[in-house]
Amino acid sequence: MQKDELLKVRHILEAELKSGEIALHPSEIAAYLKYLYNEDKDEFYAFLQKLPEDILGEVLLELPESIKDDAIESLSVKKLAHAVEELDSDDAVDLVKDIEDVNEQLEQQVLANIDEEYKEEIETLSHYDEGLAGAYMQTEVFKAYEDEQIKDAIERLRKLKEEGELSNVHQVYVVDKNEKLKAIIPLEDLILFDFNKRFKDVIEDKKYEPLTVRADEPIADLIKKFEDYDLAVVAVVDDEGRLLGRITSDDVIDLIEDQATEQIYNLAGVEDEVEEEGDIKEITKKRAWWLLINLGTAILASFVIGLFDETIQKYVALAVLMPIVASMGGNAGTQTLTVVVRKLALGEIDWQNAKKALLQETLISLLNGFIFAVVMGAIAWVWFDDHLLGVVIAIAMVINLLAAGFFGAVIPLFLKKIGQDPAVGSSVLLTTVTDVVGFFAFLGLAKVMLVH
């Protein structure tokens, strides 16, 4: 937000706080609080205390991690407990985990001040591993029983909405007496039925067959279902098909964003969690580790150059052209690496069906190798008035781009095969390959063809 927009939010928020009815979206309030935090912390804390508990939790979840931690520490146990209770169960779990990260004792005090039944729900959801679908579900769903009349269910829904017990209701989840999910009916269809009928009379239609995810299903499978079926919400069941809750698209969008962020950070050799926390000491330490590895690979490339020091001394033009060979190989390899890592993340390829992708990426790099071999060979020939030098760099270019395409695809596939994150370390290994192969091919050919 621009400063004038933030000031507009401030005026609206001040007016709404006086009236007691907040219409601003939590993300807008969080954006203004972030601005305040950097401009005037005292005013930030004062505004935070004024926020009603029914939106406080949502606003806290929208704040960046470092600001959120300070905000949590400034709030009383009772205010935090009320804020948690106002959230849907999936968001309540997130906020409780954030409180735990700040202070475990504070988390226990907050939980002690929450309604016992809701506390049990939060603790149950908290036990799911972050890599599983169950960790992102909310238990607030509108369900009806097979033998229930449609009109009774609609009346019950009306009361629940009036009492604020349910929000974002898209569907009715029809279950049997054992809580097993039998059908999912969109509200737009529900209003067309004869209200005197029972649900068992209308759920025979195949279009109401439930599409579900299991609570113990990996989030990669969850994301794929949302993408494949263009879902807004999906039901979560246990191994026996009993309805546990639902996962909405906003959580899945956050998951996709987190995965993309993690991949970008990992390709650059940094860790997303450490970067988000903003601890300069930790960030420096983690980045230094990858820089140390890069230093090792750079020394290896320099060692290869050192093997041909006499050749370079006799033919100084080689020193001018060396970086071009390595740079072209590195960039071509990065293109391949990015494409393959992305396809692995989306589940489009794996070790078993990777042959086509491997051949495709290698062929593309080889074709580019020939194109730029001709271009660079001609430039080197004209630049240094030596046709043999042009031939040397052209052949080296083909060899290095071929290696870049092949290893740019193989390295992430291999890392995935052995159970490692293909985004972590791939770029370091690939840079080593393209530098070593590029320098060795270029200088080796020069020694054979140019230096007598």
Protein backbone atom coordinates (compact mmCIF):
# COMPACT_ATOMS: atom_id res chain seq x y z
CA MET A 1 0.00 0.00 0.00
CA GLN A 2 1.09 3.58 -0.72
CA LYS A 3 1.36 6.02 2.20
CA ASP A 4 -1.79 7.93 1.19
CA GLU A 5 -3.73 4.63 1.05
CA LEU A 6 -2.42 3.68 4.51
CA LEU A 7 -3.50 7.03 5.95
CA LYS A 8 -6.94 6.50 4.41
CA VAL A 9 -7.10 3.11 6.16
CA ARG A 10 -6.16 4.84 9.42
CA HIS A 11 -9.05 7.33 9.17
CA ILE A 12 -11.53 4.58 8.31
CA LEU A 13 -10.22 2.35 11.11
CA GLU A 14 -10.42 5.14 13.70
CA ALA A 15 -14.03 5.83 12.70
CA GLU A 16 -14.93 2.14 12.81
CA LEU A 17 -13.29 1.66 16.22
CA LYS A 18 -15.47 4.46 17.58
CA SER A 19 -18.62 2.94 16.09
CA GLY A 20 -17.68 -0.54 17.24
CA GLU A 21 -18.24 -2.10 13.80
CA ILE A 22 -15.12 -3.02 11.84
CA ALA A 23 -15.70 -3.45 8.11
CA LEU A 24 -12.08 -3.20 6.96
CA HIS A 25 -10.48 -6.46 5.86
CA PRO A 26 -7.88 -7.88 8.30
CA SER A 27 -5.18 -7.68 5.60
CA GLU A 28 -5.78 -3.91 5.23
CA ILE A 29 -5.56 -3.42 9.00
CA ALA A 30 -2.39 -5.54 9.10
CA ALA A 31 -0.83 -3.45 6.31
CA TYR A 32 -1.47 -0.28 8.33
CA LEU A 33 -0.11 -1.86 11.52
CA LYS A 34 3.04 -2.90 9.65
CA TYR A 35 3.49 0.71 8.55
CA LEU A 36 2.94 1.91 12.13
CA TYR A 37 5.44 -0.62 13.49
CA ASN A 38 8.18 0.88 11.34
CA GLU A 39 7.15 4.51 11.97
CA ASP A 40 5.95 4.65 15.59
CA LYS A 41 6.01 1.50 17.72
CA ASP A 42 4.20 3.11 20.63
CA GLU A 43 1.26 3.96 18.37
CA PHE A 44 1.45 0.45 16.90
CA TYR A 45 0.99 -1.15 20.32
CA ALA A 46 -1.76 1.33 21.23
CA PHE A 47 -3.72 0.55 18.06
CA LEU A 48 -3.24 -3.17 18.63
CA GLN A 49 -4.84 -2.93 22.06
CA LYS A 50 -7.88 -1.16 20.58
CA LEU A 51 -8.68 -3.90 18.06
CA PRO A 52 -11.79 -5.93 18.90
CA GLU A 53 -11.12 -9.58 19.72
CA ASP A 54 -13.36 -10.84 16.92
CA ILE A 55 -10.88 -9.59 14.29
CA LEU A 56 -7.65 -9.46 16.34
CA GLY A 57 -6.71 -13.06 15.57
CA GLU A 58 -7.14 -12.61 11.82
CA VAL A 59 -5.07 -9.42 11.88
CA LEU A 60 -2.26 -11.12 13.82
CA LEU A 61 -2.11 -13.94 11.26
CA GLU A 62 -1.67 -11.37 8.46
CA LEU A 63 1.37 -9.74 10.09
CA PRO A 64 4.97 -10.68 9.16
CA GLU A 65 6.58 -13.14 11.60
CA SER A 66 8.90 -10.69 13.40
CA ILE A 67 6.13 -8.09 13.91
CA LYS A 68 3.64 -10.79 14.91
CA ASP A 69 6.00 -12.03 17.65
CA ASP A 70 6.26 -8.54 19.17
CA ALA A 71 2.49 -8.09 18.90
CA ILE A 72 1.81 -11.39 20.70
CA GLU A 73 4.21 -10.47 23.51
CA SER A 74 2.41 -7.15 24.02
CA LEU A 75 -1.07 -8.71 24.44
CA SER A 76 -2.58 -10.14 27.60
CA VAL A 77 -3.33 -13.84 28.00
CA LYS A 78 -7.09 -13.21 28.08
CA LYS A 79 -7.03 -11.04 24.96
CA LEU A 80 -5.05 -13.70 23.09
CA ALA A 81 -7.37 -16.45 24.32
CA HIS A 82 -10.46 -14.56 23.11
CA ALA A 83 -8.74 -13.86 19.78
CA VAL A 84 -8.04 -17.59 19.33
CA GLU A 85 -11.64 -18.52 20.16
CA GLU A 86 -12.96 -16.17 17.46
CA LEU A 87 -10.98 -17.92 14.73
CA ASP A 88 -11.92 -20.95 12.63
CA SER A 89 -10.18 -24.04 13.98
CA ASP A 90 -7.46 -24.18 11.29
CA ASP A 91 -6.53 -20.53 11.86
CA ALA A 92 -6.76 -21.00 15.63
CA VAL A 93 -4.15 -23.78 15.38
CA ASP A 94 -1.85 -21.47 13.40
CA LEU A 95 -2.14 -18.68 15.96
CA VAL A 96 -1.57 -21.04 18.89
CA LYS A 97 1.58 -22.34 17.17
CA ASP A 98 2.74 -18.76 16.67
CA ILE A 99 2.18 -18.08 20.38
CA GLU A 100 4.11 -21.26 21.22
CA ASP A 101 7.05 -20.08 19.09
CA VAL A 102 7.15 -16.87 21.12
CA ASN A 103 6.72 -18.43 24.55
CA GLU A 104 5.64 -21.98 25.43
CA GLN A 105 4.46 -20.93 28.87
CA LEU A 106 2.31 -18.20 27.30
CA GLU A 107 0.79 -20.80 24.97
CA GLN A 108 -0.19 -23.01 27.92
CA GLN A 109 -1.76 -20.03 29.70
CA VAL A 110 -3.74 -19.10 26.58
CA LEU A 111 -4.99 -22.68 26.13
CA ALA A 112 -6.02 -22.76 29.79
CA ASN A 113 -8.31 -19.78 29.13
CA ILE A 114 -10.03 -21.33 26.09
CA ASP A 115 -13.30 -23.24 26.11
CA GLU A 116 -12.45 -26.90 26.92
CA GLU A 117 -14.20 -28.36 23.87
CA TYR A 118 -12.52 -25.93 21.48
CA LYS A 119 -9.20 -26.49 23.21
CA GLU A 120 -9.49 -30.24 22.51
CA GLU A 121 -10.20 -29.51 18.82
CA ILE A 122 -7.11 -27.30 18.58
CA GLU A 123 -4.91 -29.89 20.28
CA THR A 124 -6.23 -32.65 18.00
CA LEU A 125 -5.46 -30.61 14.86
CA SER A 126 -2.05 -29.62 16.24
CA HIS A 127 -0.99 -33.27 16.34
CA TYR A 128 -1.05 -33.56 12.54
CA ASP A 129 2.32 -33.25 10.84
CA GLU A 130 2.69 -30.08 8.74
CA GLY A 131 3.27 -32.25 5.67
CA LEU A 132 -0.19 -33.84 5.93
CA ALA A 133 -3.59 -32.55 4.84
CA GLY A 134 -5.07 -32.86 8.34
CA ALA A 135 -2.86 -30.02 9.57
CA TYR A 136 -4.77 -27.56 7.36
CA MET A 137 -8.39 -28.59 7.90
CA GLN A 138 -11.05 -26.79 9.87
CA THR A 139 -13.64 -28.75 11.79
CA GLU A 140 -16.47 -26.23 11.26
CA VAL A 141 -18.61 -27.86 8.57
CA PHE A 142 -22.33 -27.97 7.91
CA LYS A 143 -23.40 -31.60 7.88
CA ALA A 144 -26.79 -33.28 7.61
CA TYR A 145 -27.89 -36.87 8.15
CA GLU A 146 -29.34 -39.16 5.51
CA ASP A 147 -32.68 -39.47 7.31
CA GLU A 148 -33.00 -35.73 8.02
CA GLN A 149 -35.58 -33.68 6.16
CA ILE A 150 -34.07 -30.96 3.94
CA LYS A 151 -36.25 -28.25 5.50
CA ASP A 152 -34.97 -29.10 9.00
CA ALA A 153 -31.37 -28.89 7.82
CA ILE A 154 -31.96 -25.51 6.17
CA GLU A 155 -33.56 -24.16 9.35
CA ARG A 156 -30.57 -25.42 11.35
CA LEU A 157 -28.18 -23.74 8.91
CA ARG A 158 -30.06 -20.46 9.26
CA LYS A 159 -29.70 -20.54 13.05
CA LEU A 160 -26.00 -21.44 12.89
CA LYS A 161 -25.34 -18.53 10.54
CA GLU A 162 -27.28 -16.11 12.76
CA GLU A 163 -25.25 -17.22 15.77
CA GLY A 164 -21.97 -16.84 13.86
CA GLU A 165 -21.09 -20.51 14.28
CA LEU A 166 -20.41 -21.06 10.57
CA SER A 167 -18.82 -19.00 7.80
CA ASN A 168 -18.07 -19.54 4.10
CA VAL A 169 -20.60 -22.35 3.80
CA HIS A 170 -20.48 -23.74 0.27
CA GLN A 171 -21.89 -27.24 0.65
CA VAL A 172 -23.88 -29.62 2.79
CA TYR A 173 -21.99 -32.74 3.85
CA VAL A 174 -24.43 -35.65 4.10
CA VAL A 175 -23.35 -38.41 6.50
CA ASP A 176 -24.86 -41.65 7.78
CA LYS A 177 -25.42 -42.53 11.43
CA ASN A 178 -21.74 -43.57 11.73
CA GLU A 179 -20.56 -40.16 10.43
CA LYS A 180 -19.37 -41.67 7.13
CA LEU A 181 -19.54 -39.14 4.32
CA LYS A 182 -22.12 -40.19 1.71
CA ALA A 183 -22.61 -37.08 -0.45
CA ILE A 184 -21.69 -33.43 -0.91
CA ILE A 185 -24.47 -31.12 -2.11
CA PRO A 186 -23.77 -27.52 -3.20
CA LEU A 187 -26.14 -24.98 -1.64
CA GLU A 188 -27.16 -23.81 -5.11
CA ASP A 189 -28.60 -27.30 -5.72
CA LEU A 190 -30.04 -27.67 -2.24
CA ILE A 191 -32.46 -24.77 -2.68
CA LEU A 192 -33.97 -26.47 -5.78
CA PHE A 193 -35.04 -29.63 -3.95
CA ASP A 194 -38.43 -30.42 -2.45
CA PHE A 195 -37.80 -29.36 1.16
CA ASN A 196 -40.11 -32.09 2.48
CA LYS A 197 -37.85 -34.81 1.11
CA ARG A 198 -35.12 -36.48 3.09
CA PHE A 199 -31.49 -36.33 2.01
CA LYS A 200 -31.39 -40.05 1.26
CA ASP A 201 -33.99 -39.39 -1.46
CA VAL A 202 -31.74 -36.99 -3.39
CA ILE A 203 -28.18 -38.22 -2.91
CA GLU A 204 -28.46 -41.10 -5.36
CA ASP A 205 -27.39 -38.75 -8.16
CA LYS A 206 -23.76 -39.53 -9.02
CA LYS A 207 -22.85 -35.86 -9.25
CA TYR A 208 -23.10 -35.69 -5.45
CA GLU A 209 -20.52 -38.43 -4.88
CA PRO A 210 -17.97 -36.95 -2.48
CA LEU A 211 -14.47 -36.01 -3.59
CA THR A 212 -12.31 -36.20 -0.48
CA VAL A 213 -8.79 -36.22 0.90
CA ARG A 214 -7.63 -38.31 3.83
CA ALA A 215 -6.27 -36.51 6.86
CA ASP A 216 -3.00 -38.43 6.51
CA GLU A 217 -2.59 -37.58 2.81
CA PRO A 218 0.55 -35.62 1.82
CA ILE A 219 -0.05 -31.94 1.04
CA ALA A 220 1.40 -32.47 -2.46
CA ASP A 221 -1.56 -34.77 -3.23
CA LEU A 222 -3.96 -32.24 -1.67
CA ILE A 223 -2.64 -29.43 -3.88
CA LYS A 224 -2.86 -31.62 -6.98
CA LYS A 225 -6.54 -32.41 -6.30
CA PHE A 226 -7.35 -28.71 -5.96
CA GLU A 227 -5.56 -28.00 -9.25
CA ASP A 228 -6.98 -30.99 -11.16
CA TYR A 229 -10.60 -30.47 -10.09
CA ASP A 230 -10.64 -26.65 -9.68
CA LEU A 231 -11.90 -26.99 -6.12
CA ALA A 232 -12.92 -24.21 -3.75
CA VAL A 233 -13.19 -26.60 -0.80
CA VAL A 234 -12.61 -30.30 -0.16
CA ALA A 235 -13.86 -32.64 2.56
CA VAL A 236 -11.37 -34.37 4.86
CA VAL A 237 -12.08 -37.94 6.03
CA ASP A 238 -10.31 -40.61 8.07
CA ASP A 239 -9.28 -44.05 6.81
CA GLU A 240 -12.85 -45.34 7.28
CA GLY A 241 -14.45 -42.47 5.38
CA ARG A 242 -15.77 -40.59 8.43
CA LEU A 243 -16.08 -36.84 7.97
CA LEU A 244 -13.46 -34.90 9.96
CA GLY A 245 -13.56 -31.42 8.45
CA ARG A 246 -12.79 -29.44 5.31
CA ILE A 247 -9.91 -27.59 3.67
CA THR A 248 -10.63 -24.33 1.83
CA SER A 249 -8.83 -22.84 -1.15
CA ASP A 250 -7.30 -19.95 0.84
CA ASP A 251 -5.20 -22.44 2.81
CA VAL A 252 -4.16 -24.25 -0.36
CA ILE A 253 -3.16 -20.96 -2.01
CA ASP A 254 -0.97 -20.25 1.03
CA LEU A 255 0.58 -23.71 0.72
CA ILE A 256 1.35 -23.20 -2.98
CA GLU A 257 2.88 -19.80 -2.19
CA ASP A 258 4.98 -21.31 0.62
CA GLN A 259 6.23 -24.08 -1.66
CA ALA A 260 7.14 -21.61 -4.40
CA THR A 261 8.94 -19.37 -1.89
CA GLU A 262 10.82 -22.35 -0.48
CA GLN A 263 11.93 -23.47 -3.95
CA ILE A 264 13.17 -19.99 -4.88
CA TYR A 265 15.09 -19.67 -1.62
CA ASN A 266 16.54 -23.17 -1.87
CA LEU A 267 17.71 -22.66 -5.45
CA ALA A 268 19.59 -19.62 -4.17
CA GLY A 269 21.06 -21.62 -1.27
CA VAL A 270 19.13 -19.90 1.53
CA GLU A 271 16.53 -21.26 3.96
CA ASP A 272 13.06 -19.73 3.86
CA GLU A 273 12.27 -20.17 7.58
CA VAL A 274 15.49 -18.46 8.66
CA GLU A 275 14.96 -15.59 6.18
CA GLU A 276 11.38 -15.02 7.41
CA GLU A 277 12.47 -14.85 11.06
CA GLY A 278 14.78 -11.92 10.27
CA ASP A 279 17.54 -12.95 12.74
CA ILE A 280 20.68 -11.41 11.18
CA LYS A 281 23.03 -13.77 13.04
CA GLU A 282 21.15 -16.89 11.89
CA ILE A 283 20.74 -15.62 8.32
CA THR A 284 24.47 -14.83 8.11
CA LYS A 285 25.39 -18.27 9.43
CA LYS A 286 23.09 -20.16 7.05
CA ARG A 287 24.12 -18.15 4.00
CA ALA A 288 27.80 -18.49 4.95
CA TRP A 289 27.48 -22.29 4.87
CA TRP A 290 26.35 -22.27 1.24
CA LEU A 291 28.93 -19.63 0.34
CA LEU A 292 31.60 -21.91 1.84
CA ILE A 293 30.44 -24.73 -0.44
CA ASN A 294 30.48 -22.32 -3.38
CA LEU A 295 34.02 -21.34 -2.44
CA GLY A 296 35.03 -25.00 -2.57
CA THR A 297 33.55 -25.44 -6.04
CA ALA A 298 35.23 -22.21 -7.22
CA ILE A 299 38.59 -23.51 -5.99
CA LEU A 300 37.96 -26.74 -7.90
CA ALA A 301 37.28 -24.76 -11.10
CA SER A 302 40.42 -22.69 -10.47
CA PHE A 303 42.40 -25.90 -10.03
CA VAL A 304 41.28 -27.00 -13.50
CA ILE A 305 42.42 -23.64 -14.91
CA GLY A 306 45.76 -24.09 -13.12
CA LEU A 307 46.37 -27.31 -15.04
CA PHE A 308 46.55 -25.22 -18.21
CA ASP A 309 48.51 -22.20 -16.94
CA GLU A 310 51.26 -22.64 -19.54
CA THR A 311 48.65 -22.81 -22.29
CA ILE A 312 47.04 -19.57 -21.11
CA GLN A 313 50.42 -17.83 -20.88
CA LYS A 314 51.20 -18.77 -24.48
CA TYR A 315 47.73 -17.81 -25.73
CA VAL A 316 46.43 -14.87 -23.70
CA ALA A 317 43.15 -14.67 -25.68
CA LEU A 318 42.04 -17.81 -23.83
CA ALA A 319 41.84 -15.84 -20.56
CA VAL A 320 39.52 -13.34 -22.24
CA LEU A 321 37.16 -15.99 -23.61
CA MET A 322 37.09 -18.45 -20.68
CA PRO A 323 34.34 -16.67 -18.68
CA ILE A 324 32.03 -16.75 -21.73
CA VAL A 325 32.14 -20.55 -21.98
CA ALA A 326 31.48 -21.01 -18.25
CA SER A 327 28.76 -18.35 -18.14
CA MET A 328 26.82 -19.77 -21.11
CA GLY A 329 26.97 -23.26 -19.61
CA GLY A 330 25.84 -21.99 -16.21
CA ASN A 331 22.87 -20.07 -17.63
CA ALA A 332 21.76 -22.97 -19.86
CA GLY A 333 22.01 -25.33 -16.89
CA THR A 334 19.99 -22.99 -14.69
CA GLN A 335 17.21 -22.90 -17.29
CA THR A 336 17.03 -26.71 -17.34
CA LEU A 337 17.35 -26.96 -13.57
CA THR A 338 14.49 -24.52 -12.95
CA VAL A 339 12.15 -26.34 -15.35
CA VAL A 340 12.91 -29.80 -13.91
CA VAL A 341 12.63 -28.72 -10.26
CA ARG A 342 9.29 -27.09 -11.02
CA LYS A 343 7.98 -30.21 -12.77
CA LEU A 344 9.12 -32.36 -9.86
CA ALA A 345 7.31 -30.05 -7.41
CA LEU A 346 4.11 -30.30 -9.47
CA GLY A 347 4.40 -34.09 -9.69
CA GLU A 348 4.59 -33.98 -13.49
CA ILE A 349 7.76 -36.09 -13.61
CA ASP A 350 9.61 -38.52 -11.36
CA TRP A 351 12.55 -40.93 -11.63
CA GLN A 352 10.42 -43.58 -13.37
CA ASN A 353 9.10 -41.41 -16.22
CA ALA A 354 12.01 -38.97 -16.48
CA LYS A 355 13.47 -40.32 -19.75
CA LYS A 356 11.38 -38.05 -21.99
CA ALA A 357 12.15 -34.93 -19.93
CA LEU A 358 15.85 -35.82 -19.82
CA LEU A 359 16.06 -36.31 -23.58
CA GLN A 360 14.06 -33.13 -24.24
CA GLU A 361 16.18 -30.90 -22.01
CA THR A 362 19.43 -32.40 -23.33
CA LEU A 363 18.32 -31.90 -26.93
CA ILE A 364 17.29 -28.29 -26.31
CA SER A 365 20.66 -27.52 -24.72
CA LEU A 366 22.50 -29.29 -27.56
CA LEU A 367 20.61 -27.28 -30.21
CA ASN A 368 21.35 -24.05 -28.34
CA GLY A 369 24.95 -25.21 -28.09
CA PHE A 370 25.23 -25.46 -31.88
CA ILE A 371 23.53 -22.06 -32.39
CA PHE A 372 25.83 -20.20 -30.00
CA ALA A 373 28.86 -22.20 -31.11
CA VAL A 374 28.45 -20.67 -34.56
CA VAL A 375 27.82 -17.19 -33.13
CA MET A 376 30.71 -17.24 -30.64
CA GLY A 377 33.05 -19.01 -33.04
CA ALA A 378 32.54 -16.25 -35.60
CA ILE A 379 32.99 -13.52 -32.96
CA ALA A 380 36.23 -15.07 -31.67
CA TRP A 381 37.56 -15.50 -35.22
CA VAL A 382 36.92 -11.83 -36.09
CA TRP A 383 37.95 -10.52 -32.66
CA PHE A 384 41.34 -12.26 -32.54
CA ASP A 385 41.80 -12.90 -36.27
CA ASP A 386 42.26 -16.63 -35.62
CA HIS A 387 39.90 -19.17 -37.21
CA LEU A 388 41.24 -22.04 -35.07
CA LEU A 389 40.41 -20.12 -31.87
CA GLY A 390 36.88 -19.76 -33.23
CA VAL A 391 36.69 -23.54 -33.78
CA VAL A 392 38.01 -24.25 -30.26
CA ILE A 393 35.46 -22.05 -28.49
CA ALA A 394 32.65 -23.35 -30.73
CA ILE A 395 33.36 -27.00 -29.84
CA ALA A 396 33.78 -26.10 -26.15
CA MET A 397 30.44 -24.28 -26.24
CA VAL A 398 28.65 -27.35 -27.64
CA ILE A 399 30.26 -29.66 -25.05
CA ASN A 400 29.47 -27.40 -22.11
CA LEU A 401 25.86 -26.66 -23.07
CA LEU A 402 25.30 -30.38 -23.66
CA ALA A 403 26.66 -31.12 -20.17
CA ALA A 404 24.56 -28.27 -18.72
CA GLY A 405 21.33 -29.67 -20.19
CA PHE A 406 22.06 -33.25 -19.18
CA PHE A 407 23.23 -32.57 -15.62
CA GLY A 408 20.67 -29.79 -15.13
CA ALA A 409 18.02 -32.50 -15.49
CA VAL A 410 19.85 -35.43 -13.84
CA ILE A 411 20.99 -33.68 -10.64
CA PRO A 412 17.50 -32.74 -9.30
CA LEU A 413 16.10 -36.12 -10.41
CA PHE A 414 18.88 -37.93 -8.55
CA LEU A 415 18.44 -35.83 -5.41
CA LYS A 416 14.71 -36.58 -5.46
CA LYS A 417 15.46 -40.28 -5.93
CA ILE A 418 17.63 -40.43 -2.79
CA GLY A 419 15.03 -38.54 -0.74
CA GLN A 420 16.61 -35.06 -0.79
CA ASP A 421 14.95 -31.79 -1.74
CA PRO A 422 15.86 -31.32 -5.43
CA ALA A 423 15.90 -27.53 -5.01
CA VAL A 424 18.53 -27.65 -2.25
CA GLY A 425 22.10 -27.98 -3.49
CA SER A 426 21.22 -28.52 -7.15
CA SER A 427 22.52 -25.12 -8.25
CA VAL A 428 25.84 -25.60 -6.42
CA LEU A 429 26.42 -29.03 -7.98
CA LEU A 430 25.41 -27.80 -11.42
CA THR A 431 27.71 -24.76 -11.26
CA THR A 432 30.59 -27.09 -10.41
CA VAL A 433 29.83 -29.27 -13.43
CA THR A 434 29.47 -26.41 -15.94
CA ASP A 435 32.60 -24.60 -14.70
CA VAL A 436 34.80 -27.69 -14.63
CA VAL A 437 33.52 -29.12 -17.93
CA GLY A 438 33.60 -25.70 -19.63
CA PHE A 439 37.12 -24.81 -18.57
CA PHE A 440 38.48 -28.30 -19.18
CA ALA A 441 36.92 -28.57 -22.64
CA PHE A 442 37.98 -25.08 -23.74
CA LEU A 443 41.52 -25.14 -22.38
CA GLY A 444 42.08 -28.79 -23.25
CA LEU A 445 41.07 -28.22 -26.87
CA ALA A 446 43.20 -25.06 -26.96
CA LYS A 447 46.23 -26.98 -25.75
CA VAL A 448 45.77 -29.61 -28.46
CA MET A 449 44.77 -27.35 -31.36
CA LEU A 450 46.46 -24.00 -30.69
CA VAL A 451 49.61 -24.45 -28.63
CA HIS A 452 52.39 -26.42 -30.30
